[in-house]
Amino acid sequence: MKHSGHKLLRVYTVGIVILFLTGFLMLVLFGAKSYQNTVGVQNANMDSRALSAYIASAVKGSDAAGAVRLETGEDGPVLVIADADTGYALRIYRHDGALLEDFAKDNSPLDAKHAQVIAKTSRFEAALSDGLLTVRTDEGRAVLRLRSEGGGGQ
């Protein structure tokens, strides 16, 4: 009788240990999956902001009187940020489902072959009115108040 009591206690103890280990492993697995999902959402959020932040940085970095203007290209608007000192301009535009930028002589023709891809996007809309630049892409909308006087024209 005494041995059966010890055996029962051992089985009970092993069962409790297995239960706790299983619970601990499940907690680790669920925690890791939750962390993975959180990081995935955070990365997607940062990716969606990256394009708008890039355009905002490009505009704000070269914002001078009359430097920012919109032109019309083959596939829609072309955001032109001119440098009056050098006669060159940074041009941002959409072509073949991608947002491109090139740096070339101001008023020279666009050359998508030599432009650099910023991001894939099926939408690029831009409007400039009263010193307020609004840019829309697949990732969202950026509204920028130009610091320079006037900002430019269309």
N, C-alpha and C. Protein backbone atom coordinates (compact mmCIF):
# COMPACT_ATOMS: atom_id res chain seq x y z
N MET A 1 0.81 -1.18 0.00
CA MET A 1 0.00 0.00 0.00
C MET A 1 0.86 1.25 0.00
N LYS A 2 1.98 1.14 0.73
CA LYS A 2 2.85 2.29 0.83
C LYS A 2 3.47 2.63 -0.52
N HIS A 3 3.85 1.58 -1.31
CA HIS A 3 4.45 1.82 -2.61
C HIS A 3 3.46 2.42 -3.60
N SER A 4 2.24 2.01 -3.55
CA SER A 4 1.24 2.56 -4.47
C SER A 4 0.99 4.04 -4.19
N GLY A 5 1.13 4.48 -2.97
CA GLY A 5 0.98 5.88 -2.60
C GLY A 5 2.11 6.72 -3.16
N HIS A 6 3.34 6.16 -3.08
CA HIS A 6 4.50 6.87 -3.64
C HIS A 6 4.41 6.95 -5.16
N LYS A 7 3.98 5.87 -5.79
CA LYS A 7 3.84 5.86 -7.25
C LYS A 7 2.79 6.89 -7.69
N LEU A 8 1.72 6.93 -6.97
CA LEU A 8 0.67 7.90 -7.29
C LEU A 8 1.18 9.33 -7.12
N LEU A 9 1.97 9.58 -6.08
CA LEU A 9 2.53 10.90 -5.84
C LEU A 9 3.53 11.27 -6.96
N ARG A 10 4.33 10.30 -7.40
CA ARG A 10 5.28 10.55 -8.49
C ARG A 10 4.53 10.86 -9.79
N VAL A 11 3.52 10.11 -10.10
CA VAL A 11 2.74 10.35 -11.31
C VAL A 11 2.08 11.74 -11.23
N TYR A 12 1.56 12.05 -10.08
CA TYR A 12 0.93 13.35 -9.89
C TYR A 12 1.96 14.48 -10.07
N THR A 13 3.16 14.33 -9.50
CA THR A 13 4.21 15.34 -9.60
C THR A 13 4.67 15.50 -11.05
N VAL A 14 4.91 14.39 -11.75
CA VAL A 14 5.32 14.44 -13.14
C VAL A 14 4.22 15.11 -13.98
N GLY A 15 2.98 14.80 -13.70
CA GLY A 15 1.86 15.41 -14.43
C GLY A 15 1.81 16.91 -14.23
N ILE A 16 2.03 17.36 -13.01
CA ILE A 16 2.04 18.80 -12.72
C ILE A 16 3.20 19.48 -13.44
N VAL A 17 4.40 18.86 -13.42
CA VAL A 17 5.56 19.43 -14.10
C VAL A 17 5.30 19.53 -15.60
N ILE A 18 4.75 18.48 -16.19
CA ILE A 18 4.43 18.49 -17.62
C ILE A 18 3.40 19.57 -17.92
N LEU A 19 2.41 19.72 -17.07
CA LEU A 19 1.40 20.75 -17.26
C LEU A 19 2.02 22.15 -17.23
N PHE A 20 2.90 22.42 -16.25
CA PHE A 20 3.55 23.72 -16.16
C PHE A 20 4.48 23.97 -17.36
N LEU A 21 5.24 22.97 -17.77
CA LEU A 21 6.13 23.13 -18.92
C LEU A 21 5.33 23.39 -20.20
N THR A 22 4.23 22.66 -20.37
CA THR A 22 3.38 22.89 -21.54
C THR A 22 2.80 24.30 -21.53
N GLY A 23 2.34 24.74 -20.38
CA GLY A 23 1.82 26.10 -20.25
C GLY A 23 2.88 27.15 -20.54
N PHE A 24 4.09 26.92 -20.03
CA PHE A 24 5.18 27.85 -20.27
C PHE A 24 5.52 27.92 -21.76
N LEU A 25 5.63 26.78 -22.42
CA LEU A 25 5.93 26.76 -23.85
C LEU A 25 4.84 27.43 -24.66
N MET A 26 3.59 27.20 -24.30
CA MET A 26 2.47 27.85 -25.00
C MET A 26 2.53 29.37 -24.81
N LEU A 27 2.87 29.80 -23.60
CA LEU A 27 2.99 31.23 -23.33
C LEU A 27 4.11 31.84 -24.17
N VAL A 28 5.24 31.16 -24.28
CA VAL A 28 6.35 31.66 -25.09
C VAL A 28 5.94 31.73 -26.56
N LEU A 29 5.28 30.69 -27.07
CA LEU A 29 4.85 30.68 -28.46
C LEU A 29 3.85 31.79 -28.76
N PHE A 30 2.86 31.95 -27.91
CA PHE A 30 1.87 33.00 -28.13
C PHE A 30 2.51 34.39 -28.02
N GLY A 31 3.43 34.56 -27.08
CA GLY A 31 4.13 35.84 -26.93
C GLY A 31 4.97 36.17 -28.15
N ALA A 32 5.68 35.16 -28.68
CA ALA A 32 6.51 35.39 -29.87
C ALA A 32 5.64 35.73 -31.07
N LYS A 33 4.52 35.05 -31.23
CA LYS A 33 3.62 35.33 -32.35
C LYS A 33 3.02 36.74 -32.22
N SER A 34 2.66 37.10 -31.01
CA SER A 34 2.11 38.44 -30.77
C SER A 34 3.15 39.51 -31.09
N TYR A 35 4.39 39.29 -30.67
CA TYR A 35 5.47 40.23 -30.96
C TYR A 35 5.70 40.33 -32.46
N GLN A 36 5.70 39.20 -33.15
CA GLN A 36 5.89 39.19 -34.61
C GLN A 36 4.79 40.00 -35.30
N ASN A 37 3.56 39.84 -34.89
CA ASN A 37 2.46 40.59 -35.47
C ASN A 37 2.59 42.09 -35.20
N THR A 38 3.00 42.45 -33.99
CA THR A 38 3.18 43.86 -33.63
C THR A 38 4.26 44.50 -34.48
N VAL A 39 5.38 43.81 -34.63
CA VAL A 39 6.48 44.35 -35.44
C VAL A 39 6.06 44.45 -36.90
N GLY A 40 5.30 43.50 -37.41
CA GLY A 40 4.81 43.56 -38.79
C GLY A 40 3.93 44.77 -39.03
N VAL A 41 3.03 45.04 -38.10
CA VAL A 41 2.15 46.22 -38.22
C VAL A 41 2.97 47.50 -38.15
N GLN A 42 3.95 47.54 -37.26
CA GLN A 42 4.80 48.72 -37.11
C GLN A 42 5.60 48.97 -38.40
N ASN A 43 6.16 47.92 -38.97
CA ASN A 43 6.92 48.08 -40.22
C ASN A 43 6.03 48.54 -41.37
N ALA A 44 4.82 48.00 -41.45
CA ALA A 44 3.89 48.42 -42.51
C ALA A 44 3.53 49.90 -42.33
N ASN A 45 3.36 50.33 -41.09
CA ASN A 45 3.04 51.73 -40.81
C ASN A 45 4.21 52.63 -41.21
N MET A 46 5.43 52.22 -40.89
CA MET A 46 6.60 53.02 -41.26
C MET A 46 6.77 53.06 -42.77
N ASP A 47 6.51 51.94 -43.45
CA ASP A 47 6.62 51.92 -44.91
C ASP A 47 5.61 52.86 -45.55
N SER A 48 4.40 52.90 -45.00
CA SER A 48 3.38 53.77 -45.58
C SER A 48 3.71 55.25 -45.37
N ARG A 49 4.46 55.56 -44.34
CA ARG A 49 4.85 56.95 -44.09
C ARG A 49 6.13 57.34 -44.83
N ALA A 50 6.91 56.37 -45.25
CA ALA A 50 8.22 56.65 -45.83
C ALA A 50 8.11 57.49 -47.10
N LEU A 51 7.18 57.16 -47.97
CA LEU A 51 7.05 57.88 -49.23
C LEU A 51 6.65 59.34 -48.99
N SER A 52 5.68 59.56 -48.14
CA SER A 52 5.26 60.93 -47.83
C SER A 52 6.39 61.71 -47.16
N ALA A 53 7.11 61.05 -46.27
CA ALA A 53 8.22 61.71 -45.59
C ALA A 53 9.35 62.05 -46.56
N TYR A 54 9.58 61.18 -47.53
CA TYR A 54 10.62 61.45 -48.52
C TYR A 54 10.28 62.69 -49.35
N ILE A 55 9.04 62.75 -49.81
CA ILE A 55 8.61 63.91 -50.61
C ILE A 55 8.68 65.18 -49.78
N ALA A 56 8.22 65.10 -48.53
CA ALA A 56 8.26 66.27 -47.65
C ALA A 56 9.69 66.74 -47.42
N SER A 57 10.60 65.80 -47.23
CA SER A 57 12.01 66.18 -47.01
C SER A 57 12.61 66.82 -48.25
N ALA A 58 12.29 66.28 -49.41
CA ALA A 58 12.82 66.84 -50.65
C ALA A 58 12.33 68.27 -50.85
N VAL A 59 11.06 68.51 -50.57
CA VAL A 59 10.49 69.85 -50.75
C VAL A 59 11.05 70.81 -49.72
N LYS A 60 11.05 70.41 -48.46
CA LYS A 60 11.51 71.31 -47.40
C LYS A 60 13.00 71.60 -47.50
N GLY A 61 13.78 70.65 -48.01
CA GLY A 61 15.21 70.85 -48.10
C GLY A 61 15.62 71.87 -49.14
N SER A 62 14.78 72.12 -50.12
CA SER A 62 15.13 73.07 -51.19
C SER A 62 14.09 74.15 -51.35
N ASP A 63 13.31 74.40 -50.33
CA ASP A 63 12.23 75.37 -50.41
C ASP A 63 12.79 76.79 -50.45
N ALA A 64 12.69 77.41 -51.62
CA ALA A 64 13.10 78.81 -51.80
C ALA A 64 12.03 79.49 -52.65
N ALA A 65 12.06 80.78 -52.70
CA ALA A 65 11.03 81.52 -53.44
C ALA A 65 10.98 81.06 -54.89
N GLY A 66 9.81 80.58 -55.30
CA GLY A 66 9.60 80.15 -56.67
C GLY A 66 10.26 78.85 -57.07
N ALA A 67 10.88 78.15 -56.14
CA ALA A 67 11.62 76.93 -56.47
C ALA A 67 10.70 75.73 -56.67
N VAL A 68 9.58 75.68 -55.99
CA VAL A 68 8.69 74.54 -56.06
C VAL A 68 7.55 74.86 -57.02
N ARG A 69 7.39 74.00 -58.02
CA ARG A 69 6.30 74.21 -58.98
C ARG A 69 5.83 72.85 -59.49
N LEU A 70 4.66 72.88 -60.12
CA LEU A 70 4.11 71.68 -60.74
C LEU A 70 4.06 71.86 -62.24
N GLU A 71 4.42 70.81 -62.94
CA GLU A 71 4.31 70.78 -64.39
C GLU A 71 3.49 69.55 -64.76
N THR A 72 3.14 69.45 -66.03
CA THR A 72 2.38 68.30 -66.50
C THR A 72 3.29 67.44 -67.36
N GLY A 73 3.38 66.16 -67.00
CA GLY A 73 4.16 65.20 -67.77
C GLY A 73 3.26 64.23 -68.50
N GLU A 74 3.85 63.24 -69.14
CA GLU A 74 3.08 62.24 -69.89
C GLU A 74 2.12 61.46 -69.01
N ASP A 75 2.55 61.13 -67.78
CA ASP A 75 1.74 60.29 -66.89
C ASP A 75 1.10 61.07 -65.76
N GLY A 76 1.06 62.39 -65.84
CA GLY A 76 0.44 63.18 -64.79
C GLY A 76 1.35 64.29 -64.31
N PRO A 77 1.14 64.72 -63.07
CA PRO A 77 1.90 65.87 -62.58
C PRO A 77 3.38 65.54 -62.35
N VAL A 78 4.19 66.57 -62.48
CA VAL A 78 5.62 66.49 -62.19
C VAL A 78 5.92 67.55 -61.14
N LEU A 79 6.39 67.11 -60.00
CA LEU A 79 6.79 68.03 -58.94
C LEU A 79 8.22 68.44 -59.20
N VAL A 80 8.42 69.74 -59.44
CA VAL A 80 9.74 70.25 -59.78
C VAL A 80 10.23 71.11 -58.63
N ILE A 81 11.45 70.81 -58.16
CA ILE A 81 12.09 71.60 -57.11
C ILE A 81 13.40 72.12 -57.70
N ALA A 82 13.36 73.36 -58.12
CA ALA A 82 14.49 73.94 -58.86
C ALA A 82 15.51 74.57 -57.93
N ASP A 83 16.76 74.54 -58.37
CA ASP A 83 17.86 75.22 -57.68
C ASP A 83 18.32 76.36 -58.59
N ALA A 84 17.95 77.57 -58.24
CA ALA A 84 18.24 78.72 -59.10
C ALA A 84 19.74 78.96 -59.25
N ASP A 85 20.53 78.58 -58.27
CA ASP A 85 21.97 78.82 -58.32
C ASP A 85 22.66 77.95 -59.38
N THR A 86 22.21 76.72 -59.54
CA THR A 86 22.87 75.79 -60.46
C THR A 86 22.14 75.60 -61.78
N GLY A 87 20.86 75.94 -61.82
CA GLY A 87 20.06 75.72 -63.02
C GLY A 87 19.57 74.30 -63.16
N TYR A 88 19.76 73.48 -62.12
CA TYR A 88 19.27 72.10 -62.11
C TYR A 88 18.02 72.01 -61.26
N ALA A 89 17.29 70.90 -61.44
CA ALA A 89 16.06 70.71 -60.68
C ALA A 89 15.88 69.23 -60.35
N LEU A 90 15.30 68.99 -59.20
CA LEU A 90 14.86 67.66 -58.81
C LEU A 90 13.42 67.52 -59.26
N ARG A 91 13.12 66.49 -60.05
CA ARG A 91 11.77 66.29 -60.56
C ARG A 91 11.25 64.94 -60.07
N ILE A 92 10.07 64.97 -59.48
CA ILE A 92 9.42 63.76 -58.96
C ILE A 92 8.15 63.55 -59.76
N TYR A 93 8.01 62.33 -60.32
CA TYR A 93 6.86 62.03 -61.16
C TYR A 93 6.61 60.53 -61.20
N ARG A 94 5.42 60.15 -61.67
CA ARG A 94 5.05 58.74 -61.78
C ARG A 94 5.20 58.29 -63.22
N HIS A 95 5.75 57.07 -63.37
CA HIS A 95 5.91 56.48 -64.70
C HIS A 95 5.90 54.96 -64.55
N ASP A 96 5.06 54.28 -65.32
CA ASP A 96 4.97 52.81 -65.31
C ASP A 96 4.78 52.23 -63.91
N GLY A 97 3.90 52.82 -63.13
CA GLY A 97 3.56 52.26 -61.81
C GLY A 97 4.59 52.52 -60.72
N ALA A 98 5.51 53.42 -60.97
CA ALA A 98 6.53 53.74 -59.97
C ALA A 98 6.70 55.25 -59.87
N LEU A 99 7.03 55.69 -58.69
CA LEU A 99 7.35 57.10 -58.49
C LEU A 99 8.85 57.26 -58.71
N LEU A 100 9.21 58.16 -59.61
CA LEU A 100 10.60 58.34 -59.99
C LEU A 100 11.09 59.73 -59.61
N GLU A 101 12.39 59.85 -59.49
CA GLU A 101 13.00 61.17 -59.32
C GLU A 101 14.20 61.24 -60.22
N ASP A 102 14.39 62.40 -60.79
CA ASP A 102 15.63 62.63 -61.52
C ASP A 102 16.13 64.03 -61.21
N PHE A 103 17.41 64.20 -61.37
CA PHE A 103 18.06 65.48 -61.13
C PHE A 103 18.74 65.85 -62.42
N ALA A 104 18.23 66.89 -63.08
CA ALA A 104 18.74 67.28 -64.39
C ALA A 104 18.58 68.78 -64.56
N LYS A 105 19.03 69.27 -65.70
CA LYS A 105 18.86 70.69 -66.02
C LYS A 105 17.38 71.04 -65.94
N ASP A 106 17.09 72.17 -65.34
CA ASP A 106 15.70 72.63 -65.25
C ASP A 106 15.16 72.82 -66.67
N ASN A 107 13.92 72.44 -66.87
CA ASN A 107 13.21 72.52 -68.15
C ASN A 107 13.72 71.54 -69.21
N SER A 108 14.61 70.62 -68.86
CA SER A 108 15.02 69.58 -69.81
C SER A 108 13.95 68.50 -69.83
N PRO A 109 13.88 67.71 -70.92
CA PRO A 109 12.84 66.67 -70.97
C PRO A 109 13.08 65.58 -69.92
N LEU A 110 11.98 64.98 -69.46
CA LEU A 110 12.08 63.88 -68.49
C LEU A 110 12.67 62.66 -69.18
N ASP A 111 13.50 61.93 -68.45
CA ASP A 111 14.13 60.72 -68.97
C ASP A 111 13.98 59.61 -67.94
N ALA A 112 12.90 58.84 -68.07
CA ALA A 112 12.60 57.79 -67.09
C ALA A 112 13.67 56.71 -67.05
N LYS A 113 14.41 56.52 -68.16
CA LYS A 113 15.45 55.49 -68.18
C LYS A 113 16.58 55.80 -67.20
N HIS A 114 16.84 57.07 -66.99
CA HIS A 114 17.93 57.46 -66.11
C HIS A 114 17.45 57.95 -64.75
N ALA A 115 16.16 57.87 -64.51
CA ALA A 115 15.61 58.30 -63.23
C ALA A 115 15.73 57.18 -62.20
N GLN A 116 15.66 57.56 -60.96
CA GLN A 116 15.76 56.60 -59.86
C GLN A 116 14.37 56.33 -59.30
N VAL A 117 14.08 55.04 -59.05
CA VAL A 117 12.78 54.65 -58.50
C VAL A 117 12.75 54.96 -57.01
N ILE A 118 11.74 55.71 -56.60
CA ILE A 118 11.54 56.01 -55.18
C ILE A 118 10.70 54.91 -54.54
N ALA A 119 9.56 54.59 -55.19
CA ALA A 119 8.65 53.58 -54.66
C ALA A 119 7.66 53.17 -55.74
N LYS A 120 7.05 52.02 -55.56
CA LYS A 120 5.98 51.58 -56.44
C LYS A 120 4.69 52.27 -55.99
N THR A 121 3.99 52.86 -56.92
CA THR A 121 2.71 53.50 -56.61
C THR A 121 1.90 53.63 -57.90
N SER A 122 0.61 53.40 -57.79
CA SER A 122 -0.25 53.56 -58.95
C SER A 122 -0.90 54.94 -58.97
N ARG A 123 -0.65 55.72 -57.92
CA ARG A 123 -1.29 57.03 -57.79
C ARG A 123 -0.25 58.08 -57.40
N PHE A 124 -0.23 59.16 -58.14
CA PHE A 124 0.57 60.33 -57.77
C PHE A 124 -0.20 61.55 -58.24
N GLU A 125 -0.76 62.25 -57.29
CA GLU A 125 -1.50 63.47 -57.57
C GLU A 125 -0.87 64.60 -56.76
N ALA A 126 -0.77 65.75 -57.36
CA ALA A 126 -0.18 66.89 -56.67
C ALA A 126 -0.96 68.15 -57.02
N ALA A 127 -1.11 69.01 -56.04
CA ALA A 127 -1.79 70.30 -56.24
C ALA A 127 -1.05 71.36 -55.44
N LEU A 128 -0.90 72.52 -56.02
CA LEU A 128 -0.22 73.63 -55.39
C LEU A 128 -1.13 74.85 -55.44
N SER A 129 -1.48 75.35 -54.27
CA SER A 129 -2.39 76.48 -54.21
C SER A 129 -2.08 77.33 -52.99
N ASP A 130 -1.84 78.61 -53.20
CA ASP A 130 -1.59 79.57 -52.12
C ASP A 130 -0.48 79.10 -51.17
N GLY A 131 0.60 78.56 -51.72
CA GLY A 131 1.72 78.13 -50.91
C GLY A 131 1.50 76.83 -50.17
N LEU A 132 0.44 76.11 -50.52
CA LEU A 132 0.14 74.83 -49.87
C LEU A 132 0.25 73.73 -50.93
N LEU A 133 1.17 72.79 -50.71
CA LEU A 133 1.39 71.67 -51.63
C LEU A 133 0.73 70.43 -51.05
N THR A 134 -0.14 69.80 -51.83
CA THR A 134 -0.80 68.56 -51.43
C THR A 134 -0.39 67.47 -52.40
N VAL A 135 0.15 66.38 -51.86
CA VAL A 135 0.60 65.25 -52.66
C VAL A 135 -0.11 64.00 -52.18
N ARG A 136 -0.68 63.23 -53.13
CA ARG A 136 -1.36 61.98 -52.79
C ARG A 136 -0.69 60.83 -53.54
N THR A 137 -0.45 59.73 -52.81
CA THR A 137 0.06 58.50 -53.40
C THR A 137 -0.77 57.34 -52.86
N ASP A 138 -0.40 56.12 -53.22
CA ASP A 138 -1.10 54.95 -52.68
C ASP A 138 -1.01 54.89 -51.16
N GLU A 139 0.07 55.42 -50.60
CA GLU A 139 0.28 55.35 -49.15
C GLU A 139 -0.46 56.42 -48.37
N GLY A 140 -0.98 57.42 -49.05
CA GLY A 140 -1.71 58.45 -48.32
C GLY A 140 -1.47 59.83 -48.89
N ARG A 141 -1.68 60.82 -48.04
CA ARG A 141 -1.63 62.22 -48.46
C ARG A 141 -0.65 62.99 -47.58
N ALA A 142 0.11 63.88 -48.21
CA ALA A 142 1.00 64.77 -47.48
C ALA A 142 0.62 66.20 -47.86
N VAL A 143 0.47 67.03 -46.86
CA VAL A 143 0.15 68.44 -47.07
C VAL A 143 1.31 69.25 -46.50
N LEU A 144 1.90 70.10 -47.34
CA LEU A 144 3.07 70.87 -46.94
C LEU A 144 2.82 72.35 -47.15
N ARG A 145 3.12 73.13 -46.15
CA ARG A 145 3.07 74.59 -46.27
C ARG A 145 4.47 75.01 -46.67
N LEU A 146 4.59 75.63 -47.83
CA LEU A 146 5.89 76.06 -48.31
C LEU A 146 6.35 77.25 -47.47
N ARG A 147 7.59 77.20 -47.04
CA ARG A 147 8.14 78.26 -46.19
C ARG A 147 8.47 79.50 -47.00
N SER A 148 8.78 79.31 -48.27
CA SER A 148 9.18 80.44 -49.10
C SER A 148 7.98 81.30 -49.47
N GLU A 149 8.27 82.50 -49.86
CA GLU A 149 7.21 83.40 -50.31
C GLU A 149 6.67 82.92 -51.66
N GLY A 150 5.40 82.76 -51.74
CA GLY A 150 4.77 82.38 -53.01
C GLY A 150 4.86 80.92 -53.32
N GLY A 151 6.01 80.32 -53.19
CA GLY A 151 6.17 78.90 -53.40
C GLY A 151 6.31 78.50 -54.85
N GLY A 152 5.60 79.04 -55.73
CA GLY A 152 5.70 78.63 -57.13
C GLY A 152 4.33 78.63 -57.77
N GLY A 153 4.25 78.11 -58.94
CA GLY A 153 2.98 78.09 -59.65
C GLY A 153 2.79 76.81 -60.38
N GLN A 154 1.71 76.73 -61.13
CA GLN A 154 1.41 75.51 -61.87
C GLN A 154 1.69 75.71 -63.32
